[in-house]
Amino acid sequence: MVIINTKFCKGCQICVDFCPKHIIKLDDMQKAQIIDQSKCISCGFCELRCPDYAITVVKE
C-alpha cells in the first residue's frame, strides 16, 4: 500500500515516471495520487525516488 502525504508533495512527477505499474498520477492540484491501490506491487521505487519524503510504502 502506498501512502502519499500531499502536504510534502511538490508535484515533481518522479514517482509517476518510476512506477512500473503506472498507478500514480498527478491530480488537478499537481499532487501525486494513487489511481489503483490494488495494482501496487510494493516495489518501493516511488518512496526511494521521492525527494520530498512524501511517499511511504507499507508492505502488507
PDB file of N, CA and C in Angstrom:
ATOM      1  N   MET A   1       0.842  -1.175   0.000  1.00  0.00           N
ATOM      2  CA  MET A   1       0.000   0.000   0.000  1.00  0.00           C
ATOM      3  C   MET A   1       0.892   1.244   0.000  1.00  0.00           C
ATOM      4  N   VAL A   2       0.480   2.228  -0.755  1.00  0.00           N
ATOM      5  CA  VAL A   2       1.228   3.473  -0.862  1.00  0.00           C
ATOM      6  C   VAL A   2       0.450   4.583  -0.156  1.00  0.00           C
ATOM      7  N   ILE A   3       1.154   5.316   0.694  1.00  0.00           N
ATOM      8  CA  ILE A   3       0.564   6.453   1.389  1.00  0.00           C
ATOM      9  C   ILE A   3       1.291   7.704   0.924  1.00  0.00           C
ATOM     10  N   ILE A   4       0.536   8.686   0.470  1.00  0.00           N
ATOM     11  CA  ILE A   4       1.126   9.932  -0.025  1.00  0.00           C
ATOM     12  C   ILE A   4       0.719  11.079   0.888  1.00  0.00           C
ATOM     13  N   ASN A   5       1.717  11.779   1.393  1.00  0.00           N
ATOM     14  CA  ASN A   5       1.479  12.969   2.206  1.00  0.00           C
ATOM     15  C   ASN A   5       1.465  14.161   1.250  1.00  0.00           C
ATOM     16  N   THR A   6       0.284  14.620   0.903  1.00  0.00           N
ATOM     17  CA  THR A   6       0.161  15.692  -0.090  1.00  0.00           C
ATOM     18  C   THR A   6       0.711  17.025   0.401  1.00  0.00           C
ATOM     19  N   LYS A   7       0.876  17.176   1.714  1.00  0.00           N
ATOM     20  CA  LYS A   7       1.468  18.405   2.238  1.00  0.00           C
ATOM     21  C   LYS A   7       2.940  18.508   1.857  1.00  0.00           C
ATOM     22  N   PHE A   8       3.598  17.368   1.712  1.00  0.00           N
ATOM     23  CA  PHE A   8       5.018  17.353   1.343  1.00  0.00           C
ATOM     24  C   PHE A   8       5.232  17.295  -0.166  1.00  0.00           C
ATOM     25  N   CYS A   9       4.260  16.761  -0.904  1.00  0.00           N
ATOM     26  CA  CYS A   9       4.403  16.564  -2.354  1.00  0.00           C
ATOM     27  C   CYS A   9       4.460  17.905  -3.072  1.00  0.00           C
ATOM     28  N   LYS A  10       5.492  18.064  -3.924  1.00  0.00           N
ATOM     29  CA  LYS A  10       5.595  19.302  -4.706  1.00  0.00           C
ATOM     30  C   LYS A  10       5.250  19.083  -6.184  1.00  0.00           C
ATOM     31  N   GLY A  11       4.823  17.857  -6.520  1.00  0.00           N
ATOM     32  CA  GLY A  11       4.376  17.589  -7.880  1.00  0.00           C
ATOM     33  C   GLY A  11       5.487  17.442  -8.894  1.00  0.00           C
ATOM     34  N   CYS A  12       6.621  16.932  -8.483  1.00  0.00           N
ATOM     35  CA  CYS A  12       7.761  16.808  -9.396  1.00  0.00           C
ATOM     36  C   CYS A  12       7.588  15.699 -10.427  1.00  0.00           C
ATOM     37  N   GLN A  13       6.678  14.768 -10.186  1.00  0.00           N
ATOM     38  CA  GLN A  13       6.319  13.682 -11.093  1.00  0.00           C
ATOM     39  C   GLN A  13       7.363  12.560 -11.169  1.00  0.00           C
ATOM     40  N   ILE A  14       8.354  12.564 -10.318  1.00  0.00           N
ATOM     41  CA  ILE A  14       9.348  11.493 -10.324  1.00  0.00           C
ATOM     42  C   ILE A  14       8.689  10.157 -10.009  1.00  0.00           C
ATOM     43  N   CYS A  15       7.802  10.133  -9.019  1.00  0.00           N
ATOM     44  CA  CYS A  15       7.121   8.884  -8.663  1.00  0.00           C
ATOM     45  C   CYS A  15       6.278   8.360  -9.823  1.00  0.00           C
ATOM     46  N   VAL A  16       5.641   9.264 -10.548  1.00  0.00           N
ATOM     47  CA  VAL A  16       4.824   8.884 -11.701  1.00  0.00           C
ATOM     48  C   VAL A  16       5.699   8.210 -12.750  1.00  0.00           C
ATOM     49  N   ASP A  17       6.862   8.775 -13.010  1.00  0.00           N
ATOM     50  CA  ASP A  17       7.762   8.253 -14.029  1.00  0.00           C
ATOM     51  C   ASP A  17       8.384   6.908 -13.650  1.00  0.00           C
ATOM     52  N   PHE A  18       8.618   6.678 -12.364  1.00  0.00           N
ATOM     53  CA  PHE A  18       9.293   5.460 -11.933  1.00  0.00           C
ATOM     54  C   PHE A  18       8.363   4.305 -11.587  1.00  0.00           C
ATOM     55  N   CYS A  19       7.082   4.544 -11.451  1.00  0.00           N
ATOM     56  CA  CYS A  19       6.154   3.470 -11.074  1.00  0.00           C
ATOM     57  C   CYS A  19       6.020   2.452 -12.207  1.00  0.00           C
ATOM     58  N   PRO A  20       6.439   1.187 -11.971  1.00  0.00           N
ATOM     59  CA  PRO A  20       6.365   0.185 -13.036  1.00  0.00           C
ATOM     60  C   PRO A  20       4.935  -0.238 -13.379  1.00  0.00           C
ATOM     61  N   LYS A  21       4.001  -0.009 -12.474  1.00  0.00           N
ATOM     62  CA  LYS A  21       2.601  -0.388 -12.714  1.00  0.00           C
ATOM     63  C   LYS A  21       1.740   0.796 -13.147  1.00  0.00           C
ATOM     64  N   HIS A  22       2.321   1.981 -13.215  1.00  0.00           N
ATOM     65  CA  HIS A  22       1.627   3.201 -13.677  1.00  0.00           C
ATOM     66  C   HIS A  22       0.349   3.466 -12.879  1.00  0.00           C
ATOM     67  N   ILE A  23       0.451   3.384 -11.546  1.00  0.00           N
ATOM     68  CA  ILE A  23      -0.726   3.606 -10.696  1.00  0.00           C
ATOM     69  C   ILE A  23      -0.699   4.960 -10.003  1.00  0.00           C
ATOM     70  N   ILE A  24       0.305   5.775 -10.319  1.00  0.00           N
ATOM     71  CA  ILE A  24       0.405   7.101  -9.708  1.00  0.00           C
ATOM     72  C   ILE A  24       0.246   8.155 -10.798  1.00  0.00           C
ATOM     73  N   LYS A  25      -0.534   9.180 -10.496  1.00  0.00           N
ATOM     74  CA  LYS A  25      -0.667  10.311 -11.421  1.00  0.00           C
ATOM     75  C   LYS A  25      -0.766  11.578 -10.593  1.00  0.00           C
ATOM     76  N   LEU A  26      -0.621  12.701 -11.256  1.00  0.00           N
ATOM     77  CA  LEU A  26      -0.785  13.990 -10.585  1.00  0.00           C
ATOM     78  C   LEU A  26      -2.232  14.433 -10.732  1.00  0.00           C
ATOM     79  N   ASP A  27      -2.800  14.941  -9.635  1.00  0.00           N
ATOM     80  CA  ASP A  27      -4.175  15.425  -9.673  1.00  0.00           C
ATOM     81  C   ASP A  27      -4.223  16.871 -10.170  1.00  0.00           C
ATOM     82  N   ASP A  28      -5.367  17.485 -10.071  1.00  0.00           N
ATOM     83  CA  ASP A  28      -5.547  18.866 -10.546  1.00  0.00           C
ATOM     84  C   ASP A  28      -4.699  19.876  -9.792  1.00  0.00           C
ATOM     85  N   MET A  29      -4.334  19.541  -8.556  1.00  0.00           N
ATOM     86  CA  MET A  29      -3.501  20.419  -7.728  1.00  0.00           C
ATOM     87  C   MET A  29      -2.005  20.107  -7.904  1.00  0.00           C
ATOM     88  N   GLN A  30      -1.686  19.236  -8.866  1.00  0.00           N
ATOM     89  CA  GLN A  30      -0.308  18.809  -9.133  1.00  0.00           C
ATOM     90  C   GLN A  30       0.313  18.083  -7.932  1.00  0.00           C
ATOM     91  N   LYS A  31      -0.502  17.256  -7.288  1.00  0.00           N
ATOM     92  CA  LYS A  31      -0.060  16.415  -6.180  1.00  0.00           C
ATOM     93  C   LYS A  31      -0.209  14.958  -6.611  1.00  0.00           C
ATOM     94  N   ALA A  32       0.710  14.112  -6.183  1.00  0.00           N
ATOM     95  CA  ALA A  32       0.652  12.704  -6.537  1.00  0.00           C
ATOM     96  C   ALA A  32      -0.556  12.046  -5.887  1.00  0.00           C
ATOM     97  N   GLN A  33      -1.178  11.145  -6.634  1.00  0.00           N
ATOM     98  CA  GLN A  33      -2.275  10.363  -6.089  1.00  0.00           C
ATOM     99  C   GLN A  33      -2.237   8.962  -6.690  1.00  0.00           C
ATOM    100  N   ILE A  34      -2.740   8.007  -5.941  1.00  0.00           N
ATOM    101  CA  ILE A  34      -2.791   6.625  -6.390  1.00  0.00           C
ATOM    102  C   ILE A  34      -4.115   6.410  -7.108  1.00  0.00           C
ATOM    103  N   ILE A  35      -4.057   5.856  -8.321  1.00  0.00           N
ATOM    104  CA  ILE A  35      -5.297   5.648  -9.062  1.00  0.00           C
ATOM    105  C   ILE A  35      -5.850   4.232  -8.893  1.00  0.00           C
ATOM    106  N   ASP A  36      -4.991   3.252  -8.548  1.00  0.00           N
ATOM    107  CA  ASP A  36      -5.489   1.889  -8.303  1.00  0.00           C
ATOM    108  C   ASP A  36      -4.554   1.175  -7.332  1.00  0.00           C
ATOM    109  N   GLN A  37      -4.858   1.299  -6.059  1.00  0.00           N
ATOM    110  CA  GLN A  37      -4.031   0.726  -4.992  1.00  0.00           C
ATOM    111  C   GLN A  37      -3.874  -0.795  -5.145  1.00  0.00           C
ATOM    112  N   SER A  38      -4.884  -1.470  -5.702  1.00  0.00           N
ATOM    113  CA  SER A  38      -4.860  -2.930  -5.820  1.00  0.00           C
ATOM    114  C   SER A  38      -3.785  -3.427  -6.788  1.00  0.00           C
ATOM    115  N   LYS A  39      -3.324  -2.575  -7.681  1.00  0.00           N
ATOM    116  CA  LYS A  39      -2.290  -2.971  -8.636  1.00  0.00           C
ATOM    117  C   LYS A  39      -0.871  -2.716  -8.135  1.00  0.00           C
ATOM    118  N   CYS A  40      -0.745  -2.090  -6.970  1.00  0.00           N
ATOM    119  CA  CYS A  40       0.566  -1.785  -6.394  1.00  0.00           C
ATOM    120  C   CYS A  40       1.281  -3.080  -6.006  1.00  0.00           C
ATOM    121  N   ILE A  41       2.554  -3.196  -6.384  1.00  0.00           N
ATOM    122  CA  ILE A  41       3.341  -4.386  -6.048  1.00  0.00           C
ATOM    123  C   ILE A  41       4.321  -4.101  -4.909  1.00  0.00           C
ATOM    124  N   SER A  42       4.206  -2.948  -4.291  1.00  0.00           N
ATOM    125  CA  SER A  42       5.049  -2.538  -3.155  1.00  0.00           C
ATOM    126  C   SER A  42       6.540  -2.628  -3.467  1.00  0.00           C
ATOM    127  N   CYS A  43       6.910  -2.216  -4.667  1.00  0.00           N
ATOM    128  CA  CYS A  43       8.320  -2.264  -5.070  1.00  0.00           C
ATOM    129  C   CYS A  43       9.156  -1.212  -4.343  1.00  0.00           C
ATOM    130  N   GLY A  44       8.518  -0.097  -3.983  1.00  0.00           N
ATOM    131  CA  GLY A  44       9.213   0.947  -3.243  1.00  0.00           C
ATOM    132  C   GLY A  44       9.944   1.969  -4.095  1.00  0.00           C
ATOM    133  N   PHE A  45       9.865   1.857  -5.421  1.00  0.00           N
ATOM    134  CA  PHE A  45      10.562   2.819  -6.284  1.00  0.00           C
ATOM    135  C   PHE A  45      10.092   4.243  -6.021  1.00  0.00           C
ATOM    136  N   CYS A  46       8.795   4.422  -5.843  1.00  0.00           N
ATOM    137  CA  CYS A  46       8.258   5.769  -5.615  1.00  0.00           C
ATOM    138  C   CYS A  46       8.791   6.351  -4.311  1.00  0.00           C
ATOM    139  N   GLU A  47       8.832   5.545  -3.283  1.00  0.00           N
ATOM    140  CA  GLU A  47       9.324   6.010  -1.978  1.00  0.00           C
ATOM    141  C   GLU A  47      10.813   6.347  -2.041  1.00  0.00           C
ATOM    142  N   LEU A  48      11.584   5.518  -2.702  1.00  0.00           N
ATOM    143  CA  LEU A  48      13.029   5.741  -2.800  1.00  0.00           C
ATOM    144  C   LEU A  48      13.380   6.980  -3.613  1.00  0.00           C
ATOM    145  N   ARG A  49      12.599   7.254  -4.643  1.00  0.00           N
ATOM    146  CA  ARG A  49      12.900   8.362  -5.555  1.00  0.00           C
ATOM    147  C   ARG A  49      12.328   9.705  -5.118  1.00  0.00           C
ATOM    148  N   CYS A  50      11.352   9.698  -4.224  1.00  0.00           N
ATOM    149  CA  CYS A  50      10.696  10.943  -3.825  1.00  0.00           C
ATOM    150  C   CYS A  50      11.676  11.839  -3.065  1.00  0.00           C
ATOM    151  N   PRO A  51      11.991  13.015  -3.620  1.00  0.00           N
ATOM    152  CA  PRO A  51      12.944  13.914  -2.967  1.00  0.00           C
ATOM    153  C   PRO A  51      12.355  14.642  -1.751  1.00  0.00           C
ATOM    154  N   ASP A  52      11.042  14.564  -1.588  1.00  0.00           N
ATOM    155  CA  ASP A  52      10.376  15.304  -0.513  1.00  0.00           C
ATOM    156  C   ASP A  52       9.881  14.412   0.619  1.00  0.00           C
ATOM    157  N   TYR A  53      10.203  13.119   0.555  1.00  0.00           N
ATOM    158  CA  TYR A  53       9.763  12.161   1.577  1.00  0.00           C
ATOM    159  C   TYR A  53       8.245  12.189   1.749  1.00  0.00           C
ATOM    160  N   ALA A  54       7.540  12.353   0.645  1.00  0.00           N
ATOM    161  CA  ALA A  54       6.080  12.445   0.681  1.00  0.00           C
ATOM    162  C   ALA A  54       5.403  11.082   0.535  1.00  0.00           C
ATOM    163  N   ILE A  55       6.176  10.043   0.219  1.00  0.00           N
ATOM    164  CA  ILE A  55       5.597   8.728  -0.060  1.00  0.00           C
ATOM    165  C   ILE A  55       6.133   7.688   0.912  1.00  0.00           C
ATOM    166  N   THR A  56       5.210   6.874   1.406  1.00  0.00           N
ATOM    167  CA  THR A  56       5.571   5.751   2.260  1.00  0.00           C
ATOM    168  C   THR A  56       4.925   4.500   1.678  1.00  0.00           C
ATOM    169  N   VAL A  57       5.722   3.447   1.522  1.00  0.00           N
ATOM    170  CA  VAL A  57       5.190   2.176   1.049  1.00  0.00           C
ATOM    171  C   VAL A  57       5.112   1.234   2.235  1.00  0.00           C
ATOM    172  N   VAL A  58       3.907   0.718   2.473  1.00  0.00           N
ATOM    173  CA  VAL A  58       3.684  -0.214   3.568  1.00  0.00           C
ATOM    174  C   VAL A  58       3.417  -1.578   2.952  1.00  0.00           C
ATOM    175  N   LYS A  59       4.325  -2.514   3.208  1.00  0.00           N
ATOM    176  CA  LYS A  59       4.135  -3.861   2.658  1.00  0.00           C
ATOM    177  C   LYS A  59       3.141  -4.612   3.520  1.00  0.00           C
ATOM    178  N   GLU A  60       2.179  -5.206   2.846  1.00  0.00           N
ATOM    179  CA  GLU A  60       1.106  -5.915   3.565  1.00  0.00           C
ATOM    180  C   GLU A  60       1.453  -7.367   3.808  1.00  0.00           C
TER     181      GLU A  60
END
